[in-house]
Amino acid sequence: MRLDQYLKQCRLMKRRSEAKRACDNGIITIDQVQAKASREVQPGNVIAIAFVDRYLDVKVLDIPKGNVSKAAAKGFYQVERDEERELLKL
């Protein structure tokens, strides 16, 4: 499954276009390598997302097949790191 689809279906991002834009801007990595939106996600990959206000690292446990409910979405990944990020003040 494509990275942008995975992020949307597992509800790590609200929209697929938002996930694609994040990949294009270089804030998403898979196994410490900058990832494109079209990159295939495999179980065991570690996805790191540098949001504006926090860092989130998740380990892919499984790939969803079709639409997933909000409650079931959390079963497809395991949170490795979720910490706040200091905002830069200009």
PDB file of N, CA and C in Angstrom:
ATOM      1  N   MET A   1       0.845  -1.170   0.000  1.00  0.00           N
ATOM      2  CA  MET A   1       0.000   0.000   0.000  1.00  0.00           C
ATOM      3  C   MET A   1       0.897   1.242   0.000  1.00  0.00           C
ATOM      4  N   ARG A   2       0.471   2.253  -0.715  1.00  0.00           N
ATOM      5  CA  ARG A   2       1.200   3.522  -0.779  1.00  0.00           C
ATOM      6  C   ARG A   2       1.233   4.200   0.589  1.00  0.00           C
ATOM      7  N   LEU A   3       2.302   4.939   0.851  1.00  0.00           N
ATOM      8  CA  LEU A   3       2.463   5.626   2.127  1.00  0.00           C
ATOM      9  C   LEU A   3       1.335   6.609   2.392  1.00  0.00           C
ATOM     10  N   ASP A   4       0.968   7.420   1.392  1.00  0.00           N
ATOM     11  CA  ASP A   4      -0.089   8.415   1.615  1.00  0.00           C
ATOM     12  C   ASP A   4      -1.432   7.744   1.925  1.00  0.00           C
ATOM     13  N   GLN A   5      -1.717   6.625   1.282  1.00  0.00           N
ATOM     14  CA  GLN A   5      -2.940   5.886   1.575  1.00  0.00           C
ATOM     15  C   GLN A   5      -2.908   5.316   2.987  1.00  0.00           C
ATOM     16  N   TYR A   6      -1.776   4.764   3.380  1.00  0.00           N
ATOM     17  CA  TYR A   6      -1.641   4.172   4.715  1.00  0.00           C
ATOM     18  C   TYR A   6      -1.875   5.224   5.796  1.00  0.00           C
ATOM     19  N   LEU A   7      -1.252   6.394   5.646  1.00  0.00           N
ATOM     20  CA  LEU A   7      -1.404   7.449   6.638  1.00  0.00           C
ATOM     21  C   LEU A   7      -2.848   7.907   6.761  1.00  0.00           C
ATOM     22  N   LYS A   8      -3.560   7.970   5.650  1.00  0.00           N
ATOM     23  CA  LYS A   8      -4.961   8.381   5.662  1.00  0.00           C
ATOM     24  C   LYS A   8      -5.841   7.289   6.266  1.00  0.00           C
ATOM     25  N   GLN A   9      -5.671   6.042   5.838  1.00  0.00           N
ATOM     26  CA  GLN A   9      -6.539   4.965   6.303  1.00  0.00           C
ATOM     27  C   GLN A   9      -6.323   4.646   7.777  1.00  0.00           C
ATOM     28  N   CYS A  10      -5.108   4.823   8.269  1.00  0.00           N
ATOM     29  CA  CYS A  10      -4.837   4.571   9.689  1.00  0.00           C
ATOM     30  C   CYS A  10      -5.076   5.817  10.533  1.00  0.00           C
ATOM     31  N   ARG A  11      -5.588   6.845   9.903  1.00  0.00           N
ATOM     32  CA  ARG A  11      -5.982   8.088  10.559  1.00  0.00           C
ATOM     33  C   ARG A  11      -4.830   8.820  11.246  1.00  0.00           C
ATOM     34  N   LEU A  12      -3.643   8.692  10.673  1.00  0.00           N
ATOM     35  CA  LEU A  12      -2.515   9.470  11.152  1.00  0.00           C
ATOM     36  C   LEU A  12      -2.539  10.861  10.527  1.00  0.00           C
ATOM     37  N   MET A  13      -3.201  10.979   9.380  1.00  0.00           N
ATOM     38  CA  MET A  13      -3.454  12.257   8.720  1.00  0.00           C
ATOM     39  C   MET A  13      -4.886  12.255   8.211  1.00  0.00           C
ATOM     40  N   LYS A  14      -5.481  13.440   8.114  1.00  0.00           N
ATOM     41  CA  LYS A  14      -6.897  13.528   7.755  1.00  0.00           C
ATOM     42  C   LYS A  14      -7.180  13.252   6.283  1.00  0.00           C
ATOM     43  N   ARG A  15      -6.274  13.718   5.411  1.00  0.00           N
ATOM     44  CA  ARG A  15      -6.514  13.571   3.975  1.00  0.00           C
ATOM     45  C   ARG A  15      -5.285  12.998   3.284  1.00  0.00           C
ATOM     46  N   ARG A  16      -5.535  12.287   2.206  1.00  0.00           N
ATOM     47  CA  ARG A  16      -4.429  11.728   1.427  1.00  0.00           C
ATOM     48  C   ARG A  16      -3.592  12.850   0.807  1.00  0.00           C
ATOM     49  N   SER A  17      -4.250  13.911   0.369  1.00  0.00           N
ATOM     50  CA  SER A  17      -3.513  15.035  -0.220  1.00  0.00           C
ATOM     51  C   SER A  17      -2.617  15.703   0.823  1.00  0.00           C
ATOM     52  N   GLU A  18      -3.067  15.738   2.059  1.00  0.00           N
ATOM     53  CA  GLU A  18      -2.263  16.289   3.149  1.00  0.00           C
ATOM     54  C   GLU A  18      -1.027  15.412   3.390  1.00  0.00           C
ATOM     55  N   ALA A  19      -1.208  14.103   3.331  1.00  0.00           N
ATOM     56  CA  ALA A  19      -0.091  13.170   3.500  1.00  0.00           C
ATOM     57  C   ALA A  19       0.904  13.317   2.348  1.00  0.00           C
ATOM     58  N   LYS A  20       0.402  13.486   1.130  1.00  0.00           N
ATOM     59  CA  LYS A  20       1.280  13.659  -0.025  1.00  0.00           C
ATOM     60  C   LYS A  20       2.083  14.949   0.097  1.00  0.00           C
ATOM     61  N   ARG A  21       1.425  16.014   0.527  1.00  0.00           N
ATOM     62  CA  ARG A  21       2.108  17.295   0.687  1.00  0.00           C
ATOM     63  C   ARG A  21       3.191  17.189   1.763  1.00  0.00           C
ATOM     64  N   ALA A  22       2.908  16.470   2.844  1.00  0.00           N
ATOM     65  CA  ALA A  22       3.892  16.279   3.914  1.00  0.00           C
ATOM     66  C   ALA A  22       5.110  15.513   3.393  1.00  0.00           C
ATOM     67  N   CYS A  23       4.871  14.507   2.574  1.00  0.00           N
ATOM     68  CA  CYS A  23       5.982  13.751   1.974  1.00  0.00           C
ATOM     69  C   CYS A  23       6.797  14.646   1.050  1.00  0.00           C
ATOM     70  N   ASP A  24       6.119  15.435   0.237  1.00  0.00           N
ATOM     71  CA  ASP A  24       6.803  16.345  -0.699  1.00  0.00           C
ATOM     72  C   ASP A  24       7.650  17.374   0.046  1.00  0.00           C
ATOM     73  N   ASN A  25       7.209  17.777   1.247  1.00  0.00           N
ATOM     74  CA  ASN A  25       7.942  18.764   2.046  1.00  0.00           C
ATOM     75  C   ASN A  25       9.033  18.139   2.899  1.00  0.00           C
ATOM     76  N   GLY A  26       9.148  16.819   2.875  1.00  0.00           N
ATOM     77  CA  GLY A  26      10.247  16.144   3.554  1.00  0.00           C
ATOM     78  C   GLY A  26      10.087  15.947   5.044  1.00  0.00           C
ATOM     79  N   ILE A  27       8.874  15.964   5.569  1.00  0.00           N
ATOM     80  CA  ILE A  27       8.709  15.789   7.012  1.00  0.00           C
ATOM     81  C   ILE A  27       8.376  14.350   7.398  1.00  0.00           C
ATOM     82  N   ILE A  28       8.277  13.447   6.418  1.00  0.00           N
ATOM     83  CA  ILE A  28       7.979  12.052   6.696  1.00  0.00           C
ATOM     84  C   ILE A  28       9.137  11.189   6.211  1.00  0.00           C
ATOM     85  N   THR A  29       9.581  10.294   7.089  1.00  0.00           N
ATOM     86  CA  THR A  29      10.624   9.344   6.726  1.00  0.00           C
ATOM     87  C   THR A  29      10.160   7.926   7.029  1.00  0.00           C
ATOM     88  N   ILE A  30      10.689   6.979   6.284  1.00  0.00           N
ATOM     89  CA  ILE A  30      10.471   5.558   6.554  1.00  0.00           C
ATOM     90  C   ILE A  30      11.841   4.948   6.779  1.00  0.00           C
ATOM     91  N   ASP A  31      12.034   4.362   7.942  1.00  0.00           N
ATOM     92  CA  ASP A  31      13.316   3.764   8.317  1.00  0.00           C
ATOM     93  C   ASP A  31      14.465   4.746   8.109  1.00  0.00           C
ATOM     94  N   GLN A  32      14.256   5.977   8.529  1.00  0.00           N
ATOM     95  CA  GLN A  32      15.230   7.074   8.510  1.00  0.00           C
ATOM     96  C   GLN A  32      15.646   7.514   7.118  1.00  0.00           C
ATOM     97  N   VAL A  33      14.815   7.244   6.122  1.00  0.00           N
ATOM     98  CA  VAL A  33      15.056   7.692   4.756  1.00  0.00           C
ATOM     99  C   VAL A  33      13.844   8.519   4.324  1.00  0.00           C
ATOM    100  N   GLN A  34      14.097   9.719   3.778  1.00  0.00           N
ATOM    101  CA  GLN A  34      12.999  10.560   3.334  1.00  0.00           C
ATOM    102  C   GLN A  34      12.136   9.796   2.343  1.00  0.00           C
ATOM    103  N   ALA A  35      10.818   9.837   2.553  1.00  0.00           N
ATOM    104  CA  ALA A  35       9.913   9.004   1.771  1.00  0.00           C
ATOM    105  C   ALA A  35       9.040   9.823   0.831  1.00  0.00           C
ATOM    106  N   LYS A  36       8.775   9.244  -0.332  1.00  0.00           N
ATOM    107  CA  LYS A  36       7.816   9.818  -1.267  1.00  0.00           C
ATOM    108  C   LYS A  36       6.444   9.237  -0.956  1.00  0.00           C
ATOM    109  N   ALA A  37       5.405   9.917  -1.373  1.00  0.00           N
ATOM    110  CA  ALA A  37       4.034   9.480  -1.108  1.00  0.00           C
ATOM    111  C   ALA A  37       3.735   8.139  -1.756  1.00  0.00           C
ATOM    112  N   SER A  38       4.407   7.824  -2.838  1.00  0.00           N
ATOM    113  CA  SER A  38       4.136   6.587  -3.574  1.00  0.00           C
ATOM    114  C   SER A  38       4.912   5.381  -3.035  1.00  0.00           C
ATOM    115  N   ARG A  39       5.748   5.594  -2.048  1.00  0.00           N
ATOM    116  CA  ARG A  39       6.549   4.478  -1.508  1.00  0.00           C
ATOM    117  C   ARG A  39       5.644   3.428  -0.863  1.00  0.00           C
ATOM    118  N   GLU A  40       5.971   2.176  -1.108  1.00  0.00           N
ATOM    119  CA  GLU A  40       5.201   1.070  -0.546  1.00  0.00           C
ATOM    120  C   GLU A  40       5.552   0.886   0.935  1.00  0.00           C
ATOM    121  N   VAL A  41       4.516   0.715   1.751  1.00  0.00           N
ATOM    122  CA  VAL A  41       4.688   0.492   3.182  1.00  0.00           C
ATOM    123  C   VAL A  41       4.596  -1.001   3.449  1.00  0.00           C
ATOM    124  N   GLN A  42       5.515  -1.517   4.266  1.00  0.00           N
ATOM    125  CA  GLN A  42       5.557  -2.933   4.619  1.00  0.00           C
ATOM    126  C   GLN A  42       5.456  -3.066   6.140  1.00  0.00           C
ATOM    127  N   PRO A  43       4.896  -4.156   6.632  1.00  0.00           N
ATOM    128  CA  PRO A  43       4.927  -4.392   8.078  1.00  0.00           C
ATOM    129  C   PRO A  43       6.374  -4.416   8.569  1.00  0.00           C
ATOM    130  N   GLY A  44       6.617  -3.755   9.692  1.00  0.00           N
ATOM    131  CA  GLY A  44       7.970  -3.653  10.239  1.00  0.00           C
ATOM    132  C   GLY A  44       8.635  -2.315   9.961  1.00  0.00           C
ATOM    133  N   ASN A  45       8.132  -1.550   8.980  1.00  0.00           N
ATOM    134  CA  ASN A  45       8.675  -0.218   8.711  1.00  0.00           C
ATOM    135  C   ASN A  45       8.390   0.709   9.888  1.00  0.00           C
ATOM    136  N   VAL A  46       9.297   1.658  10.119  1.00  0.00           N
ATOM    137  CA  VAL A  46       9.080   2.702  11.119  1.00  0.00           C
ATOM    138  C   VAL A  46       8.887   4.015  10.369  1.00  0.00           C
ATOM    139  N   ILE A  47       7.717   4.606  10.550  1.00  0.00           N
ATOM    140  CA  ILE A  47       7.377   5.876   9.903  1.00  0.00           C
ATOM    141  C   ILE A  47       7.547   6.993  10.928  1.00  0.00           C
ATOM    142  N   ALA A  48       8.347   7.997  10.594  1.00  0.00           N
ATOM    143  CA  ALA A  48       8.563   9.150  11.463  1.00  0.00           C
ATOM    144  C   ALA A  48       7.947  10.374  10.815  1.00  0.00           C
ATOM    145  N   ILE A  49       7.121  11.080  11.593  1.00  0.00           N
ATOM    146  CA  ILE A  49       6.449  12.284  11.102  1.00  0.00           C
ATOM    147  C   ILE A  49       6.829  13.438  12.021  1.00  0.00           C
ATOM    148  N   ALA A  50       7.353  14.520  11.448  1.00  0.00           N
ATOM    149  CA  ALA A  50       7.726  15.706  12.212  1.00  0.00           C
ATOM    150  C   ALA A  50       6.636  16.765  12.015  1.00  0.00           C
ATOM    151  N   PHE A  51       5.556  16.642  12.805  1.00  0.00           N
ATOM    152  CA  PHE A  51       4.497  17.639  12.761  1.00  0.00           C
ATOM    153  C   PHE A  51       5.033  18.960  13.295  1.00  0.00           C
ATOM    154  N   VAL A  52       4.275  20.031  13.122  1.00  0.00           N
ATOM    155  CA  VAL A  52       4.698  21.350  13.588  1.00  0.00           C
ATOM    156  C   VAL A  52       4.871  21.354  15.105  1.00  0.00           C
ATOM    157  N   ASP A  53       3.984  20.659  15.819  1.00  0.00           N
ATOM    158  CA  ASP A  53       3.985  20.712  17.279  1.00  0.00           C
ATOM    159  C   ASP A  53       4.466  19.442  17.979  1.00  0.00           C
ATOM    160  N   ARG A  54       4.758  18.367  17.231  1.00  0.00           N
ATOM    161  CA  ARG A  54       5.193  17.125  17.872  1.00  0.00           C
ATOM    162  C   ARG A  54       5.908  16.207  16.892  1.00  0.00           C
ATOM    163  N   TYR A  55       6.647  15.262  17.467  1.00  0.00           N
ATOM    164  CA  TYR A  55       7.287  14.199  16.701  1.00  0.00           C
ATOM    165  C   TYR A  55       6.504  12.921  16.948  1.00  0.00           C
ATOM    166  N   LEU A  56       6.250  12.170  15.888  1.00  0.00           N
ATOM    167  CA  LEU A  56       5.523  10.914  16.011  1.00  0.00           C
ATOM    168  C   LEU A  56       6.247   9.844  15.207  1.00  0.00           C
ATOM    169  N   ASP A  57       6.627   8.761  15.887  1.00  0.00           N
ATOM    170  CA  ASP A  57       7.215   7.597  15.228  1.00  0.00           C
ATOM    171  C   ASP A  57       6.280   6.424  15.459  1.00  0.00           C
ATOM    172  N   VAL A  58       5.909   5.740  14.382  1.00  0.00           N
ATOM    173  CA  VAL A  58       5.041   4.572  14.502  1.00  0.00           C
ATOM    174  C   VAL A  58       5.655   3.402  13.744  1.00  0.00           C
ATOM    175  N   LYS A  59       5.458   2.212  14.285  1.00  0.00           N
ATOM    176  CA  LYS A  59       5.904   0.984  13.635  1.00  0.00           C
ATOM    177  C   LYS A  59       4.704   0.344  12.974  1.00  0.00           C
ATOM    178  N   VAL A  60       4.827   0.018  11.696  1.00  0.00           N
ATOM    179  CA  VAL A  60       3.737  -0.590  10.932  1.00  0.00           C
ATOM    180  C   VAL A  60       3.593  -2.045  11.361  1.00  0.00           C
ATOM    181  N   LEU A  61       2.409  -2.406  11.855  1.00  0.00           N
ATOM    182  CA  LEU A  61       2.143  -3.778  12.264  1.00  0.00           C
ATOM    183  C   LEU A  61       1.444  -4.575  11.172  1.00  0.00           C
ATOM    184  N   ASP A  62       0.545  -3.925  10.449  1.00  0.00           N
ATOM    185  CA  ASP A  62      -0.224  -4.604   9.409  1.00  0.00           C
ATOM    186  C   ASP A  62      -0.708  -3.565   8.407  1.00  0.00           C
ATOM    187  N   ILE A  63      -1.119  -4.036   7.246  1.00  0.00           N
ATOM    188  CA  ILE A  63      -1.628  -3.162   6.187  1.00  0.00           C
ATOM    189  C   ILE A  63      -3.142  -3.336   6.124  1.00  0.00           C
ATOM    190  N   PRO A  64      -3.909  -2.234   6.231  1.00  0.00           N
ATOM    191  CA  PRO A  64      -5.375  -2.362   6.174  1.00  0.00           C
ATOM    192  C   PRO A  64      -5.861  -2.742   4.778  1.00  0.00           C
ATOM    193  N   LYS A  65      -6.926  -3.476   4.750  1.00  0.00           N
ATOM    194  CA  LYS A  65      -7.577  -3.862   3.486  1.00  0.00           C
ATOM    195  C   LYS A  65      -8.925  -3.149   3.445  1.00  0.00           C
ATOM    196  N   GLY A  66      -9.053  -2.147   2.607  1.00  0.00           N
ATOM    197  CA  GLY A  66     -10.303  -1.393   2.520  1.00  0.00           C
ATOM    198  C   GLY A  66     -10.405  -0.351   3.619  1.00  0.00           C
ATOM    199  N   ASN A  67     -11.613   0.168   3.805  1.00  0.00           N
ATOM    200  CA  ASN A  67     -11.841   1.196   4.814  1.00  0.00           C
ATOM    201  C   ASN A  67     -11.761   0.604   6.213  1.00  0.00           C
ATOM    202  N   VAL A  68     -11.278   1.410   7.152  1.00  0.00           N
ATOM    203  CA  VAL A  68     -11.053   0.966   8.521  1.00  0.00           C
ATOM    204  C   VAL A  68     -11.769   1.922   9.466  1.00  0.00           C
ATOM    205  N   SER A  69     -12.409   1.373  10.516  1.00  0.00           N
ATOM    206  CA  SER A  69     -13.066   2.222  11.503  1.00  0.00           C
ATOM    207  C   SER A  69     -12.016   2.923  12.358  1.00  0.00           C
ATOM    208  N   LYS A  70     -12.433   3.981  13.033  1.00  0.00           N
ATOM    209  CA  LYS A  70     -11.521   4.747  13.865  1.00  0.00           C
ATOM    210  C   LYS A  70     -10.934   3.874  14.972  1.00  0.00           C
ATOM    211  N   ALA A  71     -11.745   3.042  15.574  1.00  0.00           N
ATOM    212  CA  ALA A  71     -11.278   2.171  16.659  1.00  0.00           C
ATOM    213  C   ALA A  71     -10.292   1.121  16.143  1.00  0.00           C
ATOM    214  N   ALA A  72     -10.549   0.572  14.966  1.00  0.00           N
ATOM    215  CA  ALA A  72      -9.685  -0.475  14.413  1.00  0.00           C
ATOM    216  C   ALA A  72      -8.386   0.080  13.834  1.00  0.00           C
ATOM    217  N   ALA A  73      -8.352   1.356  13.494  1.00  0.00           N
ATOM    218  CA  ALA A  73      -7.174   1.950  12.854  1.00  0.00           C
ATOM    219  C   ALA A  73      -5.937   1.854  13.731  1.00  0.00           C
ATOM    220  N   LYS A  74      -6.103   1.964  15.035  1.00  0.00           N
ATOM    221  CA  LYS A  74      -4.953   1.933  15.949  1.00  0.00           C
ATOM    222  C   LYS A  74      -4.301   0.551  16.023  1.00  0.00           C
ATOM    223  N   GLY A  75      -4.966  -0.465  15.539  1.00  0.00           N
ATOM    224  CA  GLY A  75      -4.409  -1.810  15.551  1.00  0.00           C
ATOM    225  C   GLY A  75      -3.430  -2.078  14.424  1.00  0.00           C
ATOM    226  N   PHE A  76      -3.291  -1.147  13.491  1.00  0.00           N
ATOM    227  CA  PHE A  76      -2.402  -1.335  12.351  1.00  0.00           C
ATOM    228  C   PHE A  76      -1.017  -0.734  12.572  1.00  0.00           C
ATOM    229  N   TYR A  77      -0.822  -0.027  13.690  1.00  0.00           N
ATOM    230  CA  TYR A  77       0.486   0.547  14.002  1.00  0.00           C
ATOM    231  C   TYR A  77       0.699   0.586  15.512  1.00  0.00           C
ATOM    232  N   GLN A  78       1.961   0.722  15.894  1.00  0.00           N
ATOM    233  CA  GLN A  78       2.340   0.836  17.295  1.00  0.00           C
ATOM    234  C   GLN A  78       3.141   2.121  17.444  1.00  0.00           C
ATOM    235  N   VAL A  79       2.768   2.961  18.398  1.00  0.00           N
ATOM    236  CA  VAL A  79       3.467   4.227  18.604  1.00  0.00           C
ATOM    237  C   VAL A  79       4.790   3.949  19.308  1.00  0.00           C
ATOM    238  N   GLU A  80       5.876   4.357  18.665  1.00  0.00           N
ATOM    239  CA  GLU A  80       7.214   4.199  19.228  1.00  0.00           C
ATOM    240  C   GLU A  80       7.632   5.445  20.002  1.00  0.00           C
ATOM    241  N   ARG A  81       7.284   6.614  19.453  1.00  0.00           N
ATOM    242  CA  ARG A  81       7.636   7.890  20.090  1.00  0.00           C
ATOM    243  C   ARG A  81       6.547   8.896  19.777  1.00  0.00           C
ATOM    244  N   ASP A  82       6.120   9.626  20.798  1.00  0.00           N
ATOM    245  CA  ASP A  82       5.154  10.710  20.631  1.00  0.00           C
ATOM    246  C   ASP A  82       5.528  11.789  21.636  1.00  0.00           C
ATOM    247  N   GLU A  83       6.296  12.765  21.175  1.00  0.00           N
ATOM    248  CA  GLU A  83       6.740  13.808  22.089  1.00  0.00           C
ATOM    249  C   GLU A  83       6.501  15.188  21.499  1.00  0.00           C
ATOM    250  N   GLU A  84       6.321  16.118  22.402  1.00  0.00           N
ATOM    251  CA  GLU A  84       6.073  17.498  21.977  1.00  0.00           C
ATOM    252  C   GLU A  84       7.341  18.080  21.377  1.00  0.00           C
ATOM    253  N   ARG A  85       7.116  19.015  20.482  1.00  0.00           N
ATOM    254  CA  ARG A  85       8.219  19.685  19.783  1.00  0.00           C
ATOM    255  C   ARG A  85       8.151  21.157  20.150  1.00  0.00           C
ATOM    256  N   GLU A  86       9.285  21.720  20.469  1.00  0.00           N
ATOM    257  CA  GLU A  86       9.307  23.145  20.792  1.00  0.00           C
ATOM    258  C   GLU A  86       9.068  23.965  19.534  1.00  0.00           C
ATOM    259  N   LEU A  87       8.184  24.903  19.643  1.00  0.00           N
ATOM    260  CA  LEU A  87       7.899  25.781  18.504  1.00  0.00           C
ATOM    261  C   LEU A  87       8.940  26.882  18.451  1.00  0.00           C
ATOM    262  N   LEU A  88       9.394  27.175  17.252  1.00  0.00           N
ATOM    263  CA  LEU A  88      10.364  28.251  17.071  1.00  0.00           C
ATOM    264  C   LEU A  88       9.670  29.593  17.204  1.00  0.00           C
ATOM    265  N   LYS A  89      10.238  30.472  17.977  1.00  0.00           N
ATOM    266  CA  LYS A  89       9.673  31.815  18.139  1.00  0.00           C
ATOM    267  C   LYS A  89      10.574  32.795  17.423  1.00  0.00           C
ATOM    268  N   LEU A  90       9.964  33.534  16.521  1.00  0.00           N
ATOM    269  CA  LEU A  90      10.744  34.499  15.726  1.00  0.00           C
ATOM    270  C   LEU A  90      10.613  35.875  16.269  1.00  0.00           C
TER     271      LEU A  90
END
